[in-house]
Structure formats: C-alpha cells, structure tokens
Amino acid sequence: MTGTTTLTLGGLLLALIILTCNLYPWYRGGREMSKLAMFGKGTAAGVCMAMCPGGILGWTHSRSGTVANGVGERTSQATTGTASGQSLTTGQLVGLGATGAAIVVLVVLVVSLAYKEASRKDKRRIVGGAYVGSTLCLTAGVAGALAWVPSVFNSAGDGVVAFFQGAGIL
C-alpha cells in the first residue's frame, strides 16, 4: 500500500474541521437526527474501510490518512503559522475475518447506493463522513473505542453463512 497508518496533528485538525462543519448545522438547527443521517452513513462506511487490511477499501483507508496529514498540515501552517506535523499514537481495527469481510462489502455497497441516490449536498456529507470515520480510526483512542466492531461483523457474517448452510434449520 502507498499510504500511511500514522495520523499527525494536522490530519486530526482536518478531520475535526469536517466533523465540526457537519455537526454545527445540526446543533443549531433543532438537533434532528435525520439531519445527520447521510454523514452517519458515510462514517459507517469509513469505519468499515478502516477494518480492511488490504484491497481497495484498505487502500482507500490508508490514503485518507495521507491526504489528511498533507492538507491538515498546510491548513494549520497557513492559518496559524505553526507546524503541526507531530504524529499521534496510532491505532488500528484488526481481526476482520472472511465472513466479516462479506458484511463490510455489503455495508459499503448500501452506502454507495445511498450516495448514488443522494442530492449534491448529501453526497458531500456522505464523502465527508467516510473521510472522518476512516481518518479518526487511525488514532489509538478511536480505534481502541471501536475495537469490538470487527468481531461484531465477524459474528454477523458467521450467522449469515450458518443460515445459508442450513445450520439449525433442519
């Protein structure tokens, strides 16, 4: 892969800017959960990408960190005059199995279909959510808080496989 698994302060800054740009209108506008739906769908896809150790989804996840670091560091330098290249403690979502990977693909497919139907503004929200979800999973804190997610996907995939194999039905 040609990406990074380390997030810098600048990369974190960019992710937090995008997060704030999505949370602020929701907070000021009555706090209706439906206003965060598209951003949430994108975030779910970003977390799914973060679980993938390779492939196109894993590559996209590693590239999100590279882009975040570069743009965030330039943003910090341009706005404050201070360098923000200091690396944060890295984290990683590990343990995705073959059955869990099938569920990841289905989740990303559903988000892609939602993207296809979305308005221009909602498309930006989905992409922003995916970017934030993927980027924040490069930090030890978020990856640690979500360490349980790969096992849930694996269990769901095991259940689907068991159903189609007829386990417990006959």
Protein backbone atom coordinates (compact mmCIF):
# COMPACT_ATOMS: atom_id res chain seq x y z
CA MET A 1 0.00 0.00 0.00
CA THR A 2 1.13 3.53 -0.66
CA GLY A 3 -0.48 5.32 2.26
CA THR A 4 0.07 5.98 5.89
CA THR A 5 -1.08 4.39 9.11
CA THR A 6 0.04 7.38 11.18
CA LEU A 7 -2.05 10.50 11.68
CA THR A 8 -0.46 13.84 12.51
CA LEU A 9 -1.95 16.76 14.40
CA GLY A 10 -2.64 18.38 11.04
CA GLY A 11 -4.52 15.31 9.85
CA LEU A 12 -6.56 15.30 13.03
CA LEU A 13 -7.26 19.00 12.52
CA LEU A 14 -8.69 18.39 9.05
CA ALA A 15 -10.91 15.55 10.28
CA LEU A 16 -12.17 17.71 13.15
CA ILE A 17 -12.88 20.62 10.78
CA ILE A 18 -15.04 18.37 8.59
CA LEU A 19 -16.75 16.91 11.67
CA THR A 20 -17.48 20.39 13.02
CA CYS A 21 -18.84 21.56 9.66
CA ASN A 22 -21.35 18.69 9.80
CA LEU A 23 -22.25 18.89 13.48
CA TYR A 24 -22.66 22.68 13.71
CA PRO A 25 -25.72 23.00 11.39
CA TRP A 26 -27.31 20.03 13.13
CA TYR A 27 -26.71 21.57 16.55
CA ARG A 28 -28.03 24.98 15.52
CA GLY A 29 -30.97 23.58 13.55
CA GLY A 30 -33.06 21.70 16.10
CA ARG A 31 -30.85 18.64 16.56
CA GLU A 32 -32.92 16.33 14.38
CA MET A 33 -31.13 13.03 13.89
CA SER A 34 -32.33 12.83 10.30
CA LYS A 35 -30.03 15.77 9.51
CA LEU A 36 -27.02 13.65 10.45
CA ALA A 37 -28.16 10.52 8.59
CA MET A 38 -26.04 11.00 5.47
CA PHE A 39 -22.95 11.94 7.46
CA GLY A 40 -23.54 8.90 9.68
CA LYS A 41 -23.84 6.59 6.68
CA GLY A 42 -20.54 7.88 5.37
CA THR A 43 -18.93 7.47 8.79
CA ALA A 44 -20.10 3.85 8.93
CA ALA A 45 -18.51 3.23 5.53
CA GLY A 46 -15.29 4.89 6.72
CA VAL A 47 -15.14 2.65 9.79
CA CYS A 48 -15.75 -0.37 7.54
CA MET A 49 -12.83 0.71 5.35
CA ALA A 50 -10.65 1.03 8.46
CA MET A 51 -11.26 -2.64 9.30
CA CYS A 52 -9.92 -3.82 5.94
CA PRO A 53 -6.25 -4.84 5.99
CA GLY A 54 -5.92 -4.54 2.21
CA GLY A 55 -7.83 -4.40 -1.02
CA ILE A 56 -9.41 -1.27 -2.44
CA LEU A 57 -11.13 -0.41 0.85
CA GLY A 58 -7.93 -0.82 2.87
CA TRP A 59 -6.01 1.21 0.32
CA THR A 60 -8.63 3.98 0.48
CA HIS A 61 -8.38 3.98 4.28
CA SER A 62 -4.58 4.35 4.22
CA ARG A 63 -4.82 7.13 1.61
CA SER A 64 -7.28 9.07 3.79
CA GLY A 65 -4.53 9.47 6.38
CA THR A 66 -2.03 10.61 3.79
CA VAL A 67 -4.42 13.21 2.41
CA ALA A 68 -5.48 14.34 5.89
CA ASN A 69 -1.90 14.82 7.01
CA GLY A 70 -0.89 16.86 3.98
CA VAL A 71 -3.96 19.10 3.78
CA GLY A 72 -4.27 19.47 7.55
CA GLU A 73 -0.63 20.44 7.99
CA ARG A 74 -0.89 23.05 5.21
CA THR A 75 -4.12 24.38 6.75
CA SER A 76 -2.51 24.70 10.17
CA GLN A 77 0.57 26.38 8.73
CA ALA A 78 -1.47 28.82 6.63
CA THR A 79 -3.92 29.79 9.38
CA THR A 80 -1.69 29.86 12.46
CA GLY A 81 1.87 29.84 11.19
CA THR A 82 2.57 26.81 13.36
CA ALA A 83 3.74 23.43 12.09
CA SER A 84 1.51 20.52 13.02
CA GLY A 85 3.47 17.54 11.76
CA GLN A 86 3.72 15.83 15.15
CA SER A 87 2.47 12.24 14.91
CA LEU A 88 -0.29 10.93 17.11
CA THR A 89 -0.32 7.48 18.70
CA THR A 90 -1.56 5.12 16.00
CA GLY A 91 -4.43 2.72 16.25
CA GLN A 92 -5.83 0.05 14.01
CA LEU A 93 -9.01 -2.00 13.80
CA VAL A 94 -7.84 -5.61 13.46
CA GLY A 95 -9.41 -9.03 13.42
CA LEU A 96 -11.72 -8.90 10.41
CA GLY A 97 -12.33 -12.42 9.10
CA ALA A 98 -13.65 -13.68 5.78
CA THR A 99 -17.28 -13.74 6.90
CA GLY A 100 -16.99 -10.27 8.43
CA ALA A 101 -15.44 -9.01 5.21
CA ALA A 102 -18.59 -10.02 3.34
CA ILE A 103 -20.65 -7.88 5.72
CA VAL A 104 -18.23 -4.96 5.24
CA VAL A 105 -18.70 -5.19 1.48
CA LEU A 106 -22.49 -5.18 1.89
CA VAL A 107 -22.42 -2.16 4.21
CA VAL A 108 -20.18 -0.21 1.81
CA LEU A 109 -22.46 -1.25 -1.08
CA VAL A 110 -25.55 0.08 0.72
CA VAL A 111 -23.77 3.37 1.45
CA SER A 112 -22.68 3.55 -2.20
CA LEU A 113 -26.29 3.08 -3.30
CA ALA A 114 -27.39 5.83 -0.90
CA TYR A 115 -24.66 8.04 -2.39
CA LYS A 116 -25.93 7.38 -5.88
CA GLU A 117 -29.46 8.50 -4.93
CA ALA A 118 -28.41 11.46 -2.78
CA SER A 119 -28.58 15.14 -3.62
CA ARG A 120 -25.39 17.06 -4.24
CA LYS A 121 -25.30 18.35 -0.65
CA ASP A 122 -25.94 14.88 0.80
CA LYS A 123 -23.22 13.37 -1.41
CA ARG A 124 -20.73 15.76 0.17
CA ARG A 125 -21.97 14.73 3.61
CA ILE A 126 -21.52 11.03 2.82
CA VAL A 127 -17.99 11.58 1.50
CA GLY A 128 -17.15 13.78 4.49
CA GLY A 129 -18.47 11.15 6.90
CA ALA A 130 -16.48 8.40 5.21
CA TYR A 131 -13.37 10.54 5.34
CA VAL A 132 -13.82 11.42 9.02
CA GLY A 133 -14.67 7.84 10.01
CA SER A 134 -11.68 6.41 8.20
CA THR A 135 -9.24 9.09 9.35
CA LEU A 136 -10.22 9.04 13.02
CA CYS A 137 -9.78 5.25 13.08
CA LEU A 138 -6.06 5.90 12.56
CA THR A 139 -5.89 7.23 16.15
CA ALA A 140 -5.37 4.96 19.13
CA GLY A 141 -8.34 6.41 21.01
CA VAL A 142 -10.97 5.88 18.33
CA ALA A 143 -9.54 2.54 17.19
CA GLY A 144 -9.47 1.38 20.82
CA ALA A 145 -13.05 2.51 21.41
CA LEU A 146 -14.17 0.64 18.28
CA ALA A 147 -12.04 -2.48 18.81
CA TRP A 148 -15.21 -4.53 19.29
CA VAL A 149 -16.60 -3.73 15.81
CA PRO A 150 -14.63 -6.31 13.74
CA SER A 151 -15.83 -9.15 16.00
CA VAL A 152 -19.44 -7.97 15.58
CA PHE A 153 -19.03 -8.03 11.81
CA ASN A 154 -17.42 -11.48 12.00
CA SER A 155 -20.29 -12.78 14.15
CA ALA A 156 -22.90 -11.32 11.79
CA GLY A 157 -21.11 -12.90 8.83
CA ASP A 158 -20.93 -16.26 10.66
CA GLY A 159 -24.68 -16.05 11.27
CA VAL A 160 -25.40 -15.35 7.61
CA VAL A 161 -23.20 -18.24 6.49
CA ALA A 162 -24.80 -20.57 9.03
CA PHE A 163 -28.25 -19.61 7.78
CA PHE A 164 -27.38 -20.33 4.17
CA GLN A 165 -25.76 -23.62 5.11
CA GLY A 166 -28.93 -24.66 6.88
CA ALA A 167 -27.46 -24.78 10.39
CA GLY A 168 -30.20 -25.07 12.98
CA ILE A 169 -32.97 -25.16 10.35
CA LEU A 170 -33.17 -28.85 9.61
